[in-house]
């Protein structure tokens, strides 16, 4: 069945419109390309051997069953020999039974108390902190690049170095802060925290078009961005993803002052508290620029501060 001749112009216009939209999407994707940097590590040497801890705890409260020692005395009178049974420790059977019960009850109570406190101590938290900054004149990009190139990300000392130095770099560039977001989730055990940590890290790293600088778990890689953006309004977005041995109970970020306090707390954590830490930032390539459209598209949870920094 042939279409009326009047429908041809409409069909051509529709096809042309589709092609234009496809070209716009492709061009905007290329223009919004974002290089990314990633550094940190975790859940390897940070793991404390719970088996050895529980073994030493059990041996501390293991008691041998008390028993009575008997001694025999020989006395010889001519051809006659007699044996006398003596009670060496002088403890009555009833007293021994009471002592044994007391020891058993004490051991059970101490074990339960240790298990209770150990359970409370071992509820880890996973934190995600996002900060968006103005890129123009900001030295944060170069600071993070330098940290990634020198960090040893195979040890807890390395995780602390990455976290502490990144927090310092963010604080030094506080005048460029624009937006932020914070979440903290407490998990029942370390396995759940580990799963959530890597899920969040993978989600954020997947937003990069290319990872141009990586130092994760001592795996290092550096390359040039193949297609950089030339946005006239450059921005920088930093993700700090952290797993801690216990909940930090961080306050929500409403003001830039709140963000300062959180960065100071994170930077001051002891290495034994840090199970894992990843710091991700985009753009990583110094020739690359991140547009405002890309920031709001990829990081929709970012919010403005209610105050202004001096």
C-alpha atoms as a PDB file:
ATOM      1  CA  UNK A   1       0.000   0.000   0.000  1.00  0.00           C
ATOM      2  CA  UNK A   2       1.514   3.307  -1.041  1.00  0.00           C
ATOM      3  CA  UNK A   3       1.524   6.317   1.214  1.00  0.00           C
ATOM      4  CA  UNK A   4       0.023   9.550  -0.008  1.00  0.00           C
ATOM      5  CA  UNK A   5       2.539  11.914  -1.448  1.00  0.00           C
ATOM      6  CA  UNK A   6       1.852  14.426   1.344  1.00  0.00           C
ATOM      7  CA  UNK A   7       3.261  12.019   3.979  1.00  0.00           C
ATOM      8  CA  UNK A   8       6.770  11.895   2.487  1.00  0.00           C
ATOM      9  CA  UNK A   9       7.893  15.290   3.807  1.00  0.00           C
ATOM     10  CA  UNK A  10       6.698  14.325   7.290  1.00  0.00           C
ATOM     11  CA  UNK A  11       8.593  11.027   7.149  1.00  0.00           C
ATOM     12  CA  UNK A  12      11.765  12.744   5.994  1.00  0.00           C
ATOM     13  CA  UNK A  13      11.467  15.332   8.773  1.00  0.00           C
ATOM     14  CA  UNK A  14      11.045  12.605  11.416  1.00  0.00           C
ATOM     15  CA  UNK A  15      14.106  10.709  10.197  1.00  0.00           C
ATOM     16  CA  UNK A  16      16.138  13.913  10.080  1.00  0.00           C
ATOM     17  CA  UNK A  17      15.077  14.769  13.631  1.00  0.00           C
ATOM     18  CA  UNK A  18      16.106  11.316  14.891  1.00  0.00           C
ATOM     19  CA  UNK A  19      19.524  11.631  13.229  1.00  0.00           C
ATOM     20  CA  UNK A  20      20.062  15.073  14.733  1.00  0.00           C
ATOM     21  CA  UNK A  21      19.173  13.801  18.208  1.00  0.00           C
ATOM     22  CA  UNK A  22      21.567  10.852  17.858  1.00  0.00           C
ATOM     23  CA  UNK A  23      24.368  13.190  16.764  1.00  0.00           C
ATOM     24  CA  UNK A  24      23.673  15.541  19.672  1.00  0.00           C
ATOM     25  CA  UNK A  25      23.833  12.639  22.156  1.00  0.00           C
ATOM     26  CA  UNK A  26      27.061  11.318  20.668  1.00  0.00           C
ATOM     27  CA  UNK A  27      28.697  14.734  20.554  1.00  0.00           C
ATOM     28  CA  UNK A  28      27.585  15.645  24.053  1.00  0.00           C
ATOM     29  CA  UNK A  29      28.919  12.305  25.357  1.00  0.00           C
ATOM     30  CA  UNK A  30      32.301  12.946  23.775  1.00  0.00           C
ATOM     31  CA  UNK A  31      32.381  16.508  25.037  1.00  0.00           C
ATOM     32  CA  UNK A  32      31.499  15.369  28.549  1.00  0.00           C
ATOM     33  CA  UNK A  33      34.171  12.685  28.708  1.00  0.00           C
ATOM     34  CA  UNK A  34      35.656  12.397  32.179  1.00  0.00           C
ATOM     35  CA  UNK A  35      39.043  11.030  33.172  1.00  0.00           C
ATOM     36  CA  UNK A  36      39.234   9.448  36.617  1.00  0.00           C
ATOM     37  CA  UNK A  37      41.750   8.707  39.342  1.00  0.00           C
ATOM     38  CA  UNK A  38      41.470   5.983  41.974  1.00  0.00           C
ATOM     39  CA  UNK A  39      43.710   5.141  44.943  1.00  0.00           C
ATOM     40  CA  UNK A  40      43.548   3.183  48.183  1.00  0.00           C
ATOM     41  CA  UNK A  41      42.934  -0.385  49.254  1.00  0.00           C
ATOM     42  CA  UNK A  42      41.559  -2.524  52.019  1.00  0.00           C
ATOM     43  CA  UNK A  43      40.247  -5.724  53.574  1.00  0.00           C
ATOM     44  CA  UNK A  44      43.578  -7.517  53.272  1.00  0.00           C
ATOM     45  CA  UNK A  45      46.237  -6.749  55.872  1.00  0.00           C
ATOM     46  CA  UNK A  46      43.602  -4.743  57.739  1.00  0.00           C
ATOM     47  CA  UNK A  47      41.893  -7.989  58.726  1.00  0.00           C
ATOM     48  CA  UNK A  48      42.428  -9.032  62.343  1.00  0.00           C
ATOM     49  CA  UNK A  49      42.591 -12.769  62.938  1.00  0.00           C
ATOM     50  CA  UNK A  50      39.474 -13.497  64.927  1.00  0.00           C
ATOM     51  CA  UNK A  51      40.409 -17.148  65.230  1.00  0.00           C
ATOM     52  CA  UNK A  52      43.574 -16.427  67.202  1.00  0.00           C
ATOM     53  CA  UNK A  53      41.695 -13.956  69.373  1.00  0.00           C
ATOM     54  CA  UNK A  54      38.957 -16.429  70.232  1.00  0.00           C
ATOM     55  CA  UNK A  55      41.487 -19.192  70.881  1.00  0.00           C
ATOM     56  CA  UNK A  56      43.459 -17.107  73.338  1.00  0.00           C
ATOM     57  CA  UNK A  57      40.217 -15.997  74.992  1.00  0.00           C
ATOM     58  CA  UNK A  58      39.015 -19.562  75.451  1.00  0.00           C
ATOM     59  CA  UNK A  59      42.325 -20.790  76.891  1.00  0.00           C
ATOM     60  CA  UNK A  60      42.251 -18.023  79.457  1.00  0.00           C
ATOM     61  CA  UNK A  61      39.021 -19.421  80.927  1.00  0.00           C
ATOM     62  CA  UNK A  62      39.769 -23.127  80.698  1.00  0.00           C
ATOM     63  CA  UNK A  63      40.118 -24.811  84.047  1.00  0.00           C
ATOM     64  CA  UNK A  64      41.143 -28.306  84.926  1.00  0.00           C
ATOM     65  CA  UNK A  65      38.823 -30.278  87.175  1.00  0.00           C
ATOM     66  CA  UNK A  66      40.036 -30.236  90.771  1.00  0.00           C
ATOM     67  CA  UNK A  67      40.806 -33.600  92.299  1.00  0.00           C
ATOM     68  CA  UNK A  68      41.908 -35.002  95.635  1.00  0.00           C
ATOM     69  CA  UNK A  69      45.371 -36.418  96.034  1.00  0.00           C
ATOM     70  CA  UNK A  70      45.796 -39.308  98.371  1.00  0.00           C
ATOM     71  CA  UNK A  71      48.975 -40.410 100.069  1.00  0.00           C
ATOM     72  CA  UNK A  72      49.598 -43.794 101.586  1.00  0.00           C
ATOM     73  CA  UNK A  73      51.759 -44.331 104.628  1.00  0.00           C
ATOM     74  CA  UNK A  74      53.593 -47.571 105.362  1.00  0.00           C
ATOM     75  CA  UNK A  75      54.341 -48.710 108.893  1.00  0.00           C
ATOM     76  CA  UNK A  76      55.975 -52.047 109.550  1.00  0.00           C
ATOM     77  CA  UNK A  77      55.777 -53.789 112.911  1.00  0.00           C
ATOM     78  CA  UNK A  78      57.462 -57.095 112.690  1.00  0.00           C
ATOM     79  CA  UNK A  79      55.753 -59.073 109.939  1.00  0.00           C
ATOM     80  CA  UNK A  80      52.612 -56.951 109.977  1.00  0.00           C
ATOM     81  CA  UNK A  81      52.035 -54.008 107.528  1.00  0.00           C
ATOM     82  CA  UNK A  82      49.115 -51.569 107.588  1.00  0.00           C
ATOM     83  CA  UNK A  83      48.000 -48.775 105.145  1.00  0.00           C
ATOM     84  CA  UNK A  84      46.379 -45.539 106.247  1.00  0.00           C
ATOM     85  CA  UNK A  85      44.450 -43.389 103.709  1.00  0.00           C
ATOM     86  CA  UNK A  86      45.100 -39.619 104.198  1.00  0.00           C
ATOM     87  CA  UNK A  87      43.276 -36.538 102.655  1.00  0.00           C
ATOM     88  CA  UNK A  88      46.141 -34.373 101.353  1.00  0.00           C
ATOM     89  CA  UNK A  89      44.448 -30.994 100.685  1.00  0.00           C
ATOM     90  CA  UNK A  90      41.959 -31.058 103.503  1.00  0.00           C
ATOM     91  CA  UNK A  91      39.054 -29.896 101.334  1.00  0.00           C
ATOM     92  CA  UNK A  92      35.654 -31.420 101.938  1.00  0.00           C
ATOM     93  CA  UNK A  93      33.745 -32.822  98.993  1.00  0.00           C
ATOM     94  CA  UNK A  94      30.945 -30.267  99.416  1.00  0.00           C
ATOM     95  CA  UNK A  95      33.374 -27.350  99.346  1.00  0.00           C
ATOM     96  CA  UNK A  96      34.951 -28.691  96.175  1.00  0.00           C
ATOM     97  CA  UNK A  97      31.543 -28.906  94.505  1.00  0.00           C
ATOM     98  CA  UNK A  98      30.702 -25.302  95.424  1.00  0.00           C
ATOM     99  CA  UNK A  99      34.100 -24.138  94.179  1.00  0.00           C
ATOM    100  CA  UNK A 100      33.675 -25.927  90.869  1.00  0.00           C
ATOM    101  CA  UNK A 101      30.182 -24.410  90.316  1.00  0.00           C
ATOM    102  CA  UNK A 102      31.459 -20.915  91.151  1.00  0.00           C
ATOM    103  CA  UNK A 103      34.304 -21.264  88.684  1.00  0.00           C
ATOM    104  CA  UNK A 104      31.934 -22.556  85.990  1.00  0.00           C
ATOM    105  CA  UNK A 105      29.416 -19.726  86.469  1.00  0.00           C
ATOM    106  CA  UNK A 106      32.173 -17.088  86.483  1.00  0.00           C
ATOM    107  CA  UNK A 107      33.648 -18.500  83.305  1.00  0.00           C
ATOM    108  CA  UNK A 108      30.268 -18.451  81.525  1.00  0.00           C
ATOM    109  CA  UNK A 109      29.542 -14.865  82.621  1.00  0.00           C
ATOM    110  CA  UNK A 110      32.956 -13.612  81.521  1.00  0.00           C
ATOM    111  CA  UNK A 111      32.635 -15.356  78.152  1.00  0.00           C
ATOM    112  CA  UNK A 112      29.177 -13.822  77.562  1.00  0.00           C
ATOM    113  CA  UNK A 113      30.431 -10.359  78.497  1.00  0.00           C
ATOM    114  CA  UNK A 114      33.403 -10.673  76.154  1.00  0.00           C
ATOM    115  CA  UNK A 115      31.147 -11.857  73.327  1.00  0.00           C
ATOM    116  CA  UNK A 116      28.764  -8.928  73.921  1.00  0.00           C
ATOM    117  CA  UNK A 117      31.462  -6.279  73.878  1.00  0.00           C
ATOM    118  CA  UNK A 118      33.250  -7.916  70.943  1.00  0.00           C
ATOM    119  CA  UNK A 119      30.010  -7.923  68.945  1.00  0.00           C
ATOM    120  CA  UNK A 120      29.461  -4.222  69.611  1.00  0.00           C
ATOM    121  CA  UNK A 121      33.053  -3.413  68.732  1.00  0.00           C
ATOM    122  CA  UNK A 122      32.992  -5.395  65.494  1.00  0.00           C
ATOM    123  CA  UNK A 123      30.008  -3.678  63.836  1.00  0.00           C
ATOM    124  CA  UNK A 124      31.785  -1.892  60.978  1.00  0.00           C
ATOM    125  CA  UNK A 125      30.562   1.158  59.083  1.00  0.00           C
ATOM    126  CA  UNK A 126      30.853   2.176  55.436  1.00  0.00           C
ATOM    127  CA  UNK A 127      31.041   5.897  54.666  1.00  0.00           C
ATOM    128  CA  UNK A 128      30.684   7.656  51.330  1.00  0.00           C
ATOM    129  CA  UNK A 129      31.622  11.316  51.138  1.00  0.00           C
ATOM    130  CA  UNK A 130      31.274  13.333  47.932  1.00  0.00           C
ATOM    131  CA  UNK A 131      32.578  16.862  47.422  1.00  0.00           C
ATOM    132  CA  UNK A 132      32.258  18.999  44.283  1.00  0.00           C
ATOM    133  CA  UNK A 133      34.615  21.952  43.800  1.00  0.00           C
ATOM    134  CA  UNK A 134      35.276  24.713  41.284  1.00  0.00           C
ATOM    135  CA  UNK A 135      38.190  23.597  39.155  1.00  0.00           C
ATOM    136  CA  UNK A 136      39.461  27.002  38.137  1.00  0.00           C
ATOM    137  CA  UNK A 137      42.533  27.859  40.236  1.00  0.00           C
ATOM    138  CA  UNK A 138      42.101  24.812  42.489  1.00  0.00           C
ATOM    139  CA  UNK A 139      45.223  22.766  43.244  1.00  0.00           C
ATOM    140  CA  UNK A 140      43.304  19.708  44.486  1.00  0.00           C
ATOM    141  CA  UNK A 141      43.634  17.790  41.224  1.00  0.00           C
ATOM    142  CA  UNK A 142      47.447  17.977  41.298  1.00  0.00           C
ATOM    143  CA  UNK A 143      47.497  17.241  45.045  1.00  0.00           C
ATOM    144  CA  UNK A 144      45.549  14.001  44.604  1.00  0.00           C
ATOM    145  CA  UNK A 145      47.686  12.975  41.636  1.00  0.00           C
ATOM    146  CA  UNK A 146      50.825  13.397  43.752  1.00  0.00           C
ATOM    147  CA  UNK A 147      49.348  11.368  46.640  1.00  0.00           C
ATOM    148  CA  UNK A 148      48.409   8.520  44.294  1.00  0.00           C
ATOM    149  CA  UNK A 149      51.892   8.380  42.769  1.00  0.00           C
ATOM    150  CA  UNK A 150      53.690   8.069  46.110  1.00  0.00           C
ATOM    151  CA  UNK A 151      51.241   6.008  48.232  1.00  0.00           C
ATOM    152  CA  UNK A 152      51.924   2.394  49.223  1.00  0.00           C
ATOM    153  CA  UNK A 153      48.401   0.994  49.061  1.00  0.00           C
ATOM    154  CA  UNK A 154      49.216  -2.521  50.265  1.00  0.00           C
ATOM    155  CA  UNK A 155      49.162  -1.808  54.019  1.00  0.00           C
ATOM    156  CA  UNK A 156      47.014  -0.139  56.657  1.00  0.00           C
ATOM    157  CA  UNK A 157      49.664   2.586  56.891  1.00  0.00           C
ATOM    158  CA  UNK A 158      49.092   3.198  53.184  1.00  0.00           C
ATOM    159  CA  UNK A 159      45.303   3.398  53.619  1.00  0.00           C
ATOM    160  CA  UNK A 160      45.774   5.931  56.398  1.00  0.00           C
ATOM    161  CA  UNK A 161      48.234   7.923  54.274  1.00  0.00           C
ATOM    162  CA  UNK A 162      45.770   8.103  51.377  1.00  0.00           C
ATOM    163  CA  UNK A 163      42.865   9.089  53.644  1.00  0.00           C
ATOM    164  CA  UNK A 164      44.802  11.585  55.761  1.00  0.00           C
ATOM    165  CA  UNK A 165      46.552  13.344  52.868  1.00  0.00           C
ATOM    166  CA  UNK A 166      43.361  13.507  50.779  1.00  0.00           C
ATOM    167  CA  UNK A 167      41.474  15.055  53.713  1.00  0.00           C
ATOM    168  CA  UNK A 168      44.254  17.626  54.100  1.00  0.00           C
ATOM    169  CA  UNK A 169      44.175  18.444  50.397  1.00  0.00           C
ATOM    170  CA  UNK A 170      40.407  18.981  50.517  1.00  0.00           C
ATOM    171  CA  UNK A 171      40.758  21.225  53.573  1.00  0.00           C
ATOM    172  CA  UNK A 172      43.463  23.283  51.862  1.00  0.00           C
ATOM    173  CA  UNK A 173      41.085  23.918  48.965  1.00  0.00           C
ATOM    174  CA  UNK A 174      37.992  24.685  51.060  1.00  0.00           C
ATOM    175  CA  UNK A 175      37.465  28.040  49.284  1.00  0.00           C
ATOM    176  CA  UNK A 176      36.512  26.103  46.140  1.00  0.00           C
ATOM    177  CA  UNK A 177      33.875  23.864  47.766  1.00  0.00           C
ATOM    178  CA  UNK A 178      30.453  23.997  46.126  1.00  0.00           C
ATOM    179  CA  UNK A 179      28.417  20.874  46.942  1.00  0.00           C
ATOM    180  CA  UNK A 180      28.628  17.809  49.181  1.00  0.00           C
ATOM    181  CA  UNK A 181      26.940  14.543  50.132  1.00  0.00           C
ATOM    182  CA  UNK A 182      27.486  12.116  53.030  1.00  0.00           C
ATOM    183  CA  UNK A 183      26.156   8.665  53.924  1.00  0.00           C
ATOM    184  CA  UNK A 184      27.118   6.202  56.667  1.00  0.00           C
ATOM    185  CA  UNK A 185      25.815   2.641  56.902  1.00  0.00           C
ATOM    186  CA  UNK A 186      26.546   0.337  59.842  1.00  0.00           C
ATOM    187  CA  UNK A 187      26.702  -3.380  59.059  1.00  0.00           C
ATOM    188  CA  UNK A 188      26.427  -6.489  61.232  1.00  0.00           C
ATOM    189  CA  UNK A 189      29.794  -7.934  60.288  1.00  0.00           C
ATOM    190  CA  UNK A 190      32.908  -7.334  58.236  1.00  0.00           C
ATOM    191  CA  UNK A 191      31.745  -9.420  55.271  1.00  0.00           C
ATOM    192  CA  UNK A 192      28.667  -7.240  54.778  1.00  0.00           C
ATOM    193  CA  UNK A 193      30.793  -4.102  55.096  1.00  0.00           C
ATOM    194  CA  UNK A 194      33.262  -5.440  52.536  1.00  0.00           C
ATOM    195  CA  UNK A 195      30.491  -6.181  50.030  1.00  0.00           C
ATOM    196  CA  UNK A 196      28.983  -2.712  50.422  1.00  0.00           C
ATOM    197  CA  UNK A 197      32.381  -0.993  50.244  1.00  0.00           C
ATOM    198  CA  UNK A 198      33.299  -2.561  46.914  1.00  0.00           C
ATOM    199  CA  UNK A 199      29.776  -2.070  45.560  1.00  0.00           C
ATOM    200  CA  UNK A 200      29.965   1.688  46.245  1.00  0.00           C
ATOM    201  CA  UNK A 201      33.485   1.934  44.877  1.00  0.00           C
ATOM    202  CA  UNK A 202      32.558   0.074  41.679  1.00  0.00           C
ATOM    203  CA  UNK A 203      29.480   2.274  41.207  1.00  0.00           C
ATOM    204  CA  UNK A 204      31.519   5.480  41.425  1.00  0.00           C
ATOM    205  CA  UNK A 205      34.439   4.214  39.312  1.00  0.00           C
ATOM    206  CA  UNK A 206      31.981   3.161  36.604  1.00  0.00           C
ATOM    207  CA  UNK A 207      31.103   6.831  36.077  1.00  0.00           C
ATOM    208  CA  UNK A 208      34.567   7.522  34.668  1.00  0.00           C
ATOM    209  CA  UNK A 209      34.977   7.243  30.913  1.00  0.00           C
ATOM    210  CA  UNK A 210      38.609   6.262  31.473  1.00  0.00           C
ATOM    211  CA  UNK A 211      40.672   5.581  34.587  1.00  0.00           C
ATOM    212  CA  UNK A 212      43.873   7.406  33.792  1.00  0.00           C
ATOM    213  CA  UNK A 213      45.620   6.999  37.164  1.00  0.00           C
ATOM    214  CA  UNK A 214      45.108   3.970  39.421  1.00  0.00           C
ATOM    215  CA  UNK A 215      46.858   2.879  42.600  1.00  0.00           C
ATOM    216  CA  UNK A 216      44.551   0.325  44.225  1.00  0.00           C
ATOM    217  CA  UNK A 217      45.936  -2.453  46.464  1.00  0.00           C
ATOM    218  CA  UNK A 218      49.372  -1.628  45.071  1.00  0.00           C
ATOM    219  CA  UNK A 219      48.208  -2.163  41.481  1.00  0.00           C
ATOM    220  CA  UNK A 220      49.442   0.947  39.657  1.00  0.00           C
ATOM    221  CA  UNK A 221      48.571   2.185  36.180  1.00  0.00           C
ATOM    222  CA  UNK A 222      48.849   5.578  34.495  1.00  0.00           C
ATOM    223  CA  UNK A 223      47.863   6.679  30.987  1.00  0.00           C
ATOM    224  CA  UNK A 224      46.765   9.700  29.010  1.00  0.00           C
ATOM    225  CA  UNK A 225      43.098  10.461  28.341  1.00  0.00           C
ATOM    226  CA  UNK A 226      42.266   9.603  24.751  1.00  0.00           C
ATOM    227  CA  UNK A 227      39.473  12.171  24.417  1.00  0.00           C
ATOM    228  CA  UNK A 228      39.391  15.154  26.785  1.00  0.00           C
ATOM    229  CA  UNK A 229      36.573  17.584  27.420  1.00  0.00           C
ATOM    230  CA  UNK A 230      36.940  21.301  26.781  1.00  0.00           C
ATOM    231  CA  UNK A 231      34.195  22.564  29.082  1.00  0.00           C
ATOM    232  CA  UNK A 232      34.322  26.285  29.855  1.00  0.00           C
ATOM    233  CA  UNK A 233      33.088  25.704  33.433  1.00  0.00           C
ATOM    234  CA  UNK A 234      35.413  23.077  34.918  1.00  0.00           C
ATOM    235  CA  UNK A 235      34.540  21.258  38.119  1.00  0.00           C
ATOM    236  CA  UNK A 236      36.186  18.571  40.255  1.00  0.00           C
ATOM    237  CA  UNK A 237      34.316  15.810  42.111  1.00  0.00           C
ATOM    238  CA  UNK A 238      35.980  13.744  44.853  1.00  0.00           C
ATOM    239  CA  UNK A 239      34.589  10.533  46.345  1.00  0.00           C
ATOM    240  CA  UNK A 240      35.934   9.234  49.669  1.00  0.00           C
ATOM    241  CA  UNK A 241      34.693   5.688  50.327  1.00  0.00           C
ATOM    242  CA  UNK A 242      35.733   4.330  53.704  1.00  0.00           C
ATOM    243  CA  UNK A 243      35.139   1.238  55.841  1.00  0.00           C
ATOM    244  CA  UNK A 244      35.836   1.520  59.565  1.00  0.00           C
ATOM    245  CA  UNK A 245      36.024  -1.074  62.336  1.00  0.00           C
ATOM    246  CA  UNK A 246      33.197   0.648  64.236  1.00  0.00           C
ATOM    247  CA  UNK A 247      30.516   3.278  63.598  1.00  0.00           C
ATOM    248  CA  UNK A 248      31.741   6.885  63.441  1.00  0.00           C
ATOM    249  CA  UNK A 249      28.241   8.359  63.878  1.00  0.00           C
ATOM    250  CA  UNK A 250      28.998  11.294  61.597  1.00  0.00           C
ATOM    251  CA  UNK A 251      26.636  14.266  61.661  1.00  0.00           C
ATOM    252  CA  UNK A 252      24.864  15.285  58.434  1.00  0.00           C
ATOM    253  CA  UNK A 253      26.491  17.966  56.292  1.00  0.00           C
ATOM    254  CA  UNK A 254      24.417  21.133  56.268  1.00  0.00           C
ATOM    255  CA  UNK A 255      27.184  23.703  56.204  1.00  0.00           C
ATOM    256  CA  UNK A 256      30.776  23.972  55.060  1.00  0.00           C
ATOM    257  CA  UNK A 257      31.730  24.000  58.746  1.00  0.00           C
ATOM    258  CA  UNK A 258      30.176  20.517  59.078  1.00  0.00           C
ATOM    259  CA  UNK A 259      32.269  19.288  56.157  1.00  0.00           C
ATOM    260  CA  UNK A 260      35.418  20.690  57.736  1.00  0.00           C
ATOM    261  CA  UNK A 261      34.701  18.819  60.992  1.00  0.00           C
ATOM    262  CA  UNK A 262      34.072  15.529  59.127  1.00  0.00           C
ATOM    263  CA  UNK A 263      37.277  15.810  57.089  1.00  0.00           C
ATOM    264  CA  UNK A 264      39.256  16.484  60.273  1.00  0.00           C
ATOM    265  CA  UNK A 265      37.714  13.416  61.911  1.00  0.00           C
ATOM    266  CA  UNK A 266      38.400  11.165  58.918  1.00  0.00           C
ATOM    267  CA  UNK A 267      41.958  12.421  58.567  1.00  0.00           C
ATOM    268  CA  UNK A 268      42.625  11.773  62.252  1.00  0.00           C
ATOM    269  CA  UNK A 269      41.489   8.132  62.338  1.00  0.00           C
ATOM    270  CA  UNK A 270      43.992   5.621  63.714  1.00  0.00           C
ATOM    271  CA  UNK A 271      45.199   3.075  61.182  1.00  0.00           C
ATOM    272  CA  UNK A 272      43.690   0.174  63.151  1.00  0.00           C
ATOM    273  CA  UNK A 273      40.236   1.753  62.693  1.00  0.00           C
ATOM    274  CA  UNK A 274      40.554   1.799  58.883  1.00  0.00           C
ATOM    275  CA  UNK A 275      39.488  -1.439  57.208  1.00  0.00           C
ATOM    276  CA  UNK A 276      39.540   0.014  53.702  1.00  0.00           C
ATOM    277  CA  UNK A 277      39.737   3.403  51.984  1.00  0.00           C
ATOM    278  CA  UNK A 278      39.289   4.445  48.351  1.00  0.00           C
ATOM    279  CA  UNK A 279      39.655   8.012  47.108  1.00  0.00           C
ATOM    280  CA  UNK A 280      38.273   8.648  43.613  1.00  0.00           C
ATOM    281  CA  UNK A 281      38.388  11.925  41.707  1.00  0.00           C
ATOM    282  CA  UNK A 282      37.413  13.273  38.312  1.00  0.00           C
ATOM    283  CA  UNK A 283      38.798  14.709  36.156  1.00  0.00           C
ATOM    284  CA  UNK A 284      42.234  13.245  36.799  1.00  0.00           C
ATOM    285  CA  UNK A 285      43.913  14.376  33.594  1.00  0.00           C
ATOM    286  CA  UNK A 286      45.090  17.976  33.928  1.00  0.00           C
ATOM    287  CA  UNK A 287      43.919  18.741  30.384  1.00  0.00           C
ATOM    288  CA  UNK A 288      40.439  17.391  31.045  1.00  0.00           C
ATOM    289  CA  UNK A 289      37.449  19.407  32.281  1.00  0.00           C
ATOM    290  CA  UNK A 290      34.199  18.294  33.911  1.00  0.00           C
ATOM    291  CA  UNK A 291      31.059  20.196  32.937  1.00  0.00           C
ATOM    292  CA  UNK A 292      28.263  21.265  35.277  1.00  0.00           C
ATOM    293  CA  UNK A 293      25.832  19.092  33.282  1.00  0.00           C
ATOM    294  CA  UNK A 294      27.993  16.020  33.890  1.00  0.00           C
ATOM    295  CA  UNK A 295      28.258  16.800  37.612  1.00  0.00           C
ATOM    296  CA  UNK A 296      24.495  16.955  38.097  1.00  0.00           C
ATOM    297  CA  UNK A 297      23.920  13.952  35.849  1.00  0.00           C
ATOM    298  CA  UNK A 298      26.375  11.626  37.593  1.00  0.00           C
ATOM    299  CA  UNK A 299      26.140  12.964  41.151  1.00  0.00           C
ATOM    300  CA  UNK A 300      22.467  13.857  41.742  1.00  0.00           C
ATOM    301  CA  UNK A 301      22.710  13.574  45.561  1.00  0.00           C
ATOM    302  CA  UNK A 302      25.084  16.525  45.892  1.00  0.00           C
ATOM    303  CA  UNK A 303      23.557  19.483  47.747  1.00  0.00           C
ATOM    304  CA  UNK A 304      24.568  23.077  48.394  1.00  0.00           C
ATOM    305  CA  UNK A 305      25.834  24.359  51.732  1.00  0.00           C
ATOM    306  CA  UNK A 306      23.572  26.518  53.865  1.00  0.00           C
ATOM    307  CA  UNK A 307      26.423  28.813  54.774  1.00  0.00           C
ATOM    308  CA  UNK A 308      29.374  30.387  52.991  1.00  0.00           C
ATOM    309  CA  UNK A 309      33.025  30.003  53.842  1.00  0.00           C
ATOM    310  CA  UNK A 310      34.961  33.157  54.656  1.00  0.00           C
END
